[in-house]
Amino acid sequence: MMVNLTVMYFDGCPSWQTAVERVRAAAVLARVQVHVDLVAVTSDEDAARLGFTGSPTILLDGADPFATPGASPALACRLYATPHGLAGSPSLDQLVDVFSQRAG
């Protein structure tokens, strides 16, 4: 199964690189093929147009599996609630779960 994944980011927040590494590792663990597109967000206007709620924003087949209701588009760093507390990207296990749910 092929999964299309987009990682939207801005250079002011380095967590997107960790997110990409974890996405690729999680795809291997979940036994899915993943096509990763990177989209640089460079302005507040881009953030609003793309629905970018912070760097990194991960879209799985166009939808944000980690969306927070009421989050506003912003050119900012994003925090994810993980089993180990707040972090700049989802945990490897969270990403494996997302891929497994998509595959199931």
N, C-alpha and C. Protein backbone atom coordinates (compact mmCIF):
# COMPACT_ATOMS: atom_id res chain seq x y z
N MET A 1 0.84 -1.18 0.00
CA MET A 1 0.00 0.00 0.00
C MET A 1 0.89 1.24 0.00
N MET A 2 0.51 2.21 -0.81
CA MET A 2 1.24 3.47 -0.89
C MET A 2 0.48 4.55 -0.14
N VAL A 3 1.17 5.26 0.72
CA VAL A 3 0.60 6.35 1.48
C VAL A 3 1.28 7.64 1.04
N ASN A 4 0.48 8.65 0.72
CA ASN A 4 1.00 9.96 0.39
C ASN A 4 1.04 10.80 1.65
N LEU A 5 2.20 11.31 1.95
CA LEU A 5 2.38 12.08 3.17
C LEU A 5 3.07 13.39 2.85
N THR A 6 2.57 14.46 3.42
CA THR A 6 3.17 15.78 3.25
C THR A 6 3.64 16.28 4.60
N VAL A 7 4.85 16.78 4.64
CA VAL A 7 5.35 17.43 5.83
C VAL A 7 5.52 18.91 5.48
N MET A 8 4.68 19.73 6.09
CA MET A 8 4.79 21.17 5.91
C MET A 8 5.65 21.71 7.06
N TYR A 9 6.54 22.64 6.73
CA TYR A 9 7.49 23.12 7.72
C TYR A 9 7.92 24.55 7.41
N PHE A 10 8.58 25.15 8.38
CA PHE A 10 9.31 26.37 8.08
C PHE A 10 10.68 26.27 8.74
N ASP A 11 11.65 26.92 8.12
CA ASP A 11 13.04 26.74 8.53
C ASP A 11 13.35 27.19 9.94
N GLY A 12 12.51 28.02 10.53
CA GLY A 12 12.76 28.50 11.88
C GLY A 12 12.54 27.44 12.95
N CYS A 13 12.04 26.29 12.56
CA CYS A 13 11.72 25.22 13.50
C CYS A 13 12.33 23.91 13.02
N PRO A 14 13.41 23.45 13.64
CA PRO A 14 14.12 22.28 13.13
C PRO A 14 13.44 20.94 13.40
N SER A 15 12.35 20.90 14.12
CA SER A 15 11.69 19.62 14.45
C SER A 15 11.17 18.89 13.22
N TRP A 16 10.98 19.58 12.12
CA TRP A 16 10.47 18.93 10.92
C TRP A 16 11.42 17.84 10.44
N GLN A 17 12.72 18.04 10.64
CA GLN A 17 13.69 17.03 10.20
C GLN A 17 13.53 15.74 11.00
N THR A 18 13.30 15.86 12.30
CA THR A 18 13.05 14.69 13.13
C THR A 18 11.77 14.01 12.69
N ALA A 19 10.75 14.80 12.38
CA ALA A 19 9.48 14.24 11.94
C ALA A 19 9.66 13.42 10.67
N VAL A 20 10.42 13.92 9.72
CA VAL A 20 10.65 13.19 8.46
C VAL A 20 11.38 11.88 8.73
N GLU A 21 12.38 11.92 9.59
CA GLU A 21 13.11 10.69 9.94
C GLU A 21 12.17 9.67 10.58
N ARG A 22 11.33 10.13 11.49
CA ARG A 22 10.39 9.23 12.17
C ARG A 22 9.33 8.69 11.22
N VAL A 23 8.86 9.52 10.31
CA VAL A 23 7.87 9.08 9.32
C VAL A 23 8.45 7.93 8.50
N ARG A 24 9.67 8.07 8.05
CA ARG A 24 10.29 7.03 7.22
C ARG A 24 10.51 5.75 8.03
N ALA A 25 10.95 5.88 9.27
CA ALA A 25 11.15 4.71 10.13
C ALA A 25 9.82 4.04 10.46
N ALA A 26 8.79 4.83 10.72
CA ALA A 26 7.47 4.28 11.05
C ALA A 26 6.88 3.54 9.86
N ALA A 27 7.10 4.04 8.65
CA ALA A 27 6.58 3.37 7.45
C ALA A 27 7.20 1.98 7.32
N VAL A 28 8.48 1.87 7.60
CA VAL A 28 9.14 0.56 7.54
C VAL A 28 8.53 -0.38 8.58
N LEU A 29 8.37 0.12 9.81
CA LEU A 29 7.81 -0.71 10.87
C LEU A 29 6.36 -1.12 10.60
N ALA A 30 5.60 -0.23 9.98
CA ALA A 30 4.19 -0.52 9.68
C ALA A 30 4.03 -1.25 8.35
N ARG A 31 5.14 -1.45 7.66
CA ARG A 31 5.14 -2.15 6.37
C ARG A 31 4.25 -1.46 5.33
N VAL A 32 4.41 -0.14 5.24
CA VAL A 32 3.72 0.61 4.19
C VAL A 32 4.76 1.39 3.39
N GLN A 33 4.45 1.61 2.15
CA GLN A 33 5.30 2.46 1.33
C GLN A 33 4.80 3.89 1.50
N VAL A 34 5.71 4.80 1.62
CA VAL A 34 5.31 6.18 1.84
C VAL A 34 6.03 7.08 0.84
N HIS A 35 5.25 7.96 0.25
CA HIS A 35 5.81 9.01 -0.61
C HIS A 35 5.73 10.30 0.19
N VAL A 36 6.88 10.90 0.49
CA VAL A 36 6.92 12.09 1.33
C VAL A 36 7.18 13.31 0.46
N ASP A 37 6.29 14.28 0.57
CA ASP A 37 6.48 15.60 -0.05
C ASP A 37 6.79 16.58 1.06
N LEU A 38 7.79 17.42 0.83
CA LEU A 38 8.12 18.48 1.77
C LEU A 38 7.63 19.80 1.20
N VAL A 39 6.92 20.55 2.03
CA VAL A 39 6.38 21.85 1.62
C VAL A 39 6.86 22.91 2.59
N ALA A 40 7.67 23.82 2.09
CA ALA A 40 8.16 24.93 2.91
C ALA A 40 7.09 26.01 2.98
N VAL A 41 6.77 26.44 4.18
CA VAL A 41 5.80 27.51 4.40
C VAL A 41 6.61 28.73 4.80
N THR A 42 6.46 29.82 4.04
CA THR A 42 7.35 30.96 4.24
C THR A 42 6.67 32.24 4.68
N SER A 43 5.35 32.22 4.78
CA SER A 43 4.66 33.45 5.17
C SER A 43 3.37 33.12 5.92
N ASP A 44 2.86 34.12 6.62
CA ASP A 44 1.57 33.95 7.30
C ASP A 44 0.45 33.69 6.29
N GLU A 45 0.57 34.29 5.12
CA GLU A 45 -0.43 34.08 4.07
C GLU A 45 -0.42 32.62 3.62
N ASP A 46 0.79 32.05 3.42
CA ASP A 46 0.90 30.63 3.07
C ASP A 46 0.30 29.76 4.17
N ALA A 47 0.61 30.09 5.42
CA ALA A 47 0.09 29.31 6.55
C ALA A 47 -1.44 29.29 6.53
N ALA A 48 -2.05 30.44 6.31
CA ALA A 48 -3.50 30.52 6.29
C ALA A 48 -4.08 29.74 5.10
N ARG A 49 -3.46 29.89 3.94
CA ARG A 49 -3.95 29.22 2.73
C ARG A 49 -3.83 27.70 2.84
N LEU A 50 -2.76 27.22 3.46
CA LEU A 50 -2.49 25.78 3.55
C LEU A 50 -3.08 25.11 4.79
N GLY A 51 -3.58 25.91 5.73
CA GLY A 51 -4.06 25.33 6.98
C GLY A 51 -2.91 24.84 7.85
N PHE A 52 -1.79 25.51 7.74
CA PHE A 52 -0.55 25.16 8.45
C PHE A 52 -0.66 25.62 9.90
N THR A 53 -0.72 24.66 10.82
CA THR A 53 -0.89 25.00 12.24
C THR A 53 0.40 24.86 13.02
N GLY A 54 1.52 25.01 12.34
CA GLY A 54 2.82 24.97 12.99
C GLY A 54 3.72 23.92 12.37
N SER A 55 5.00 24.12 12.59
CA SER A 55 6.02 23.26 12.01
C SER A 55 6.47 22.20 13.00
N PRO A 56 6.41 20.95 12.58
CA PRO A 56 5.91 20.43 11.32
C PRO A 56 4.42 20.10 11.39
N THR A 57 3.74 20.28 10.28
CA THR A 57 2.38 19.78 10.13
C THR A 57 2.45 18.60 9.18
N ILE A 58 1.92 17.48 9.62
CA ILE A 58 1.98 16.23 8.85
C ILE A 58 0.59 15.94 8.30
N LEU A 59 0.51 15.75 6.99
CA LEU A 59 -0.74 15.41 6.34
C LEU A 59 -0.64 14.02 5.74
N LEU A 60 -1.56 13.17 6.09
CA LEU A 60 -1.62 11.81 5.57
C LEU A 60 -2.77 11.76 4.58
N ASP A 61 -2.43 11.58 3.31
CA ASP A 61 -3.44 11.64 2.25
C ASP A 61 -4.30 12.89 2.38
N GLY A 62 -3.65 14.01 2.70
CA GLY A 62 -4.32 15.31 2.75
C GLY A 62 -4.95 15.69 4.07
N ALA A 63 -4.98 14.78 5.05
CA ALA A 63 -5.61 15.06 6.34
C ALA A 63 -4.56 15.03 7.46
N ASP A 64 -4.75 15.87 8.45
CA ASP A 64 -3.84 15.95 9.59
C ASP A 64 -4.31 14.98 10.67
N PRO A 65 -3.62 13.83 10.83
CA PRO A 65 -4.07 12.86 11.84
C PRO A 65 -3.82 13.32 13.27
N PHE A 66 -3.10 14.41 13.44
CA PHE A 66 -2.79 14.94 14.77
C PHE A 66 -3.44 16.30 15.00
N ALA A 67 -4.46 16.60 14.21
CA ALA A 67 -5.11 17.92 14.29
C ALA A 67 -5.63 18.19 15.69
N THR A 68 -5.49 19.43 16.09
CA THR A 68 -6.02 19.90 17.36
C THR A 68 -7.21 20.82 17.04
N PRO A 69 -8.41 20.45 17.50
CA PRO A 69 -9.57 21.30 17.22
C PRO A 69 -9.33 22.74 17.67
N GLY A 70 -9.66 23.67 16.80
CA GLY A 70 -9.53 25.08 17.12
C GLY A 70 -8.16 25.67 16.89
N ALA A 71 -7.19 24.86 16.45
CA ALA A 71 -5.85 25.39 16.19
C ALA A 71 -5.91 26.34 15.00
N SER A 72 -5.26 27.48 15.15
CA SER A 72 -5.25 28.49 14.09
C SER A 72 -3.99 28.36 13.25
N PRO A 73 -4.10 28.66 11.96
CA PRO A 73 -2.91 28.67 11.12
C PRO A 73 -1.90 29.68 11.67
N ALA A 74 -0.63 29.27 11.68
CA ALA A 74 0.41 30.14 12.22
C ALA A 74 1.77 29.71 11.72
N LEU A 75 2.62 30.67 11.51
CA LEU A 75 4.02 30.42 11.18
C LEU A 75 4.76 30.30 12.51
N ALA A 76 4.67 29.11 13.10
CA ALA A 76 5.20 28.87 14.45
C ALA A 76 5.65 27.42 14.57
N CYS A 77 6.32 27.12 15.66
CA CYS A 77 6.67 25.73 15.96
C CYS A 77 5.44 25.05 16.55
N ARG A 78 5.27 23.79 16.23
CA ARG A 78 4.12 23.03 16.71
C ARG A 78 4.58 22.05 17.78
N LEU A 79 3.73 21.84 18.76
CA LEU A 79 4.00 20.85 19.79
C LEU A 79 2.98 19.73 19.69
N TYR A 80 3.47 18.52 19.88
CA TYR A 80 2.63 17.32 19.84
C TYR A 80 2.60 16.69 21.22
N ALA A 81 1.42 16.26 21.64
CA ALA A 81 1.28 15.51 22.88
C ALA A 81 1.71 14.08 22.59
N THR A 82 2.77 13.64 23.26
CA THR A 82 3.28 12.28 23.09
C THR A 82 3.21 11.58 24.44
N PRO A 83 3.40 10.26 24.46
CA PRO A 83 3.41 9.55 25.74
C PRO A 83 4.50 10.03 26.70
N HIS A 84 5.50 10.72 26.16
CA HIS A 84 6.61 11.21 26.97
C HIS A 84 6.52 12.71 27.25
N GLY A 85 5.37 13.30 26.98
CA GLY A 85 5.19 14.74 27.17
C GLY A 85 5.16 15.47 25.84
N LEU A 86 5.16 16.77 25.89
CA LEU A 86 5.12 17.57 24.67
C LEU A 86 6.45 17.47 23.93
N ALA A 87 6.35 17.37 22.60
CA ALA A 87 7.54 17.24 21.77
C ALA A 87 7.31 17.96 20.44
N GLY A 88 8.39 18.20 19.73
CA GLY A 88 8.31 18.91 18.46
C GLY A 88 7.83 18.08 17.30
N SER A 89 7.67 16.78 17.51
CA SER A 89 7.11 15.92 16.47
C SER A 89 6.47 14.71 17.14
N PRO A 90 5.58 14.02 16.42
CA PRO A 90 4.96 12.83 17.00
C PRO A 90 6.03 11.77 17.27
N SER A 91 5.74 10.88 18.21
CA SER A 91 6.68 9.79 18.50
C SER A 91 6.64 8.76 17.39
N LEU A 92 7.64 7.94 17.35
CA LEU A 92 7.69 6.86 16.37
C LEU A 92 6.47 5.96 16.53
N ASP A 93 6.12 5.61 17.76
CA ASP A 93 4.96 4.75 17.99
C ASP A 93 3.66 5.40 17.51
N GLN A 94 3.51 6.70 17.72
CA GLN A 94 2.30 7.39 17.25
C GLN A 94 2.19 7.32 15.73
N LEU A 95 3.32 7.48 15.06
CA LEU A 95 3.30 7.44 13.60
C LEU A 95 3.03 6.02 13.10
N VAL A 96 3.59 5.02 13.76
CA VAL A 96 3.29 3.63 13.39
C VAL A 96 1.80 3.37 13.54
N ASP A 97 1.21 3.85 14.64
CA ASP A 97 -0.23 3.68 14.86
C ASP A 97 -1.05 4.32 13.74
N VAL A 98 -0.66 5.52 13.33
CA VAL A 98 -1.37 6.22 12.26
C VAL A 98 -1.29 5.42 10.96
N PHE A 99 -0.10 4.93 10.63
CA PHE A 99 0.05 4.13 9.41
C PHE A 99 -0.73 2.83 9.51
N SER A 100 -0.71 2.19 10.66
CA SER A 100 -1.43 0.93 10.85
C SER A 100 -2.94 1.12 10.71
N GLN A 101 -3.46 2.21 11.27
CA GLN A 101 -4.89 2.51 11.14
C GLN A 101 -5.25 2.75 9.68
N ARG A 102 -4.38 3.46 8.98
CA ARG A 102 -4.62 3.75 7.55
C ARG A 102 -4.61 2.45 6.74
N ALA A 103 -3.71 1.54 7.09
CA ALA A 103 -3.60 0.28 6.36
C ALA A 103 -4.74 -0.67 6.70
N GLY A 104 -5.28 -0.53 7.93
CA GLY A 104 -6.30 -1.46 8.41
C GLY A 104 -7.63 -1.16 7.82
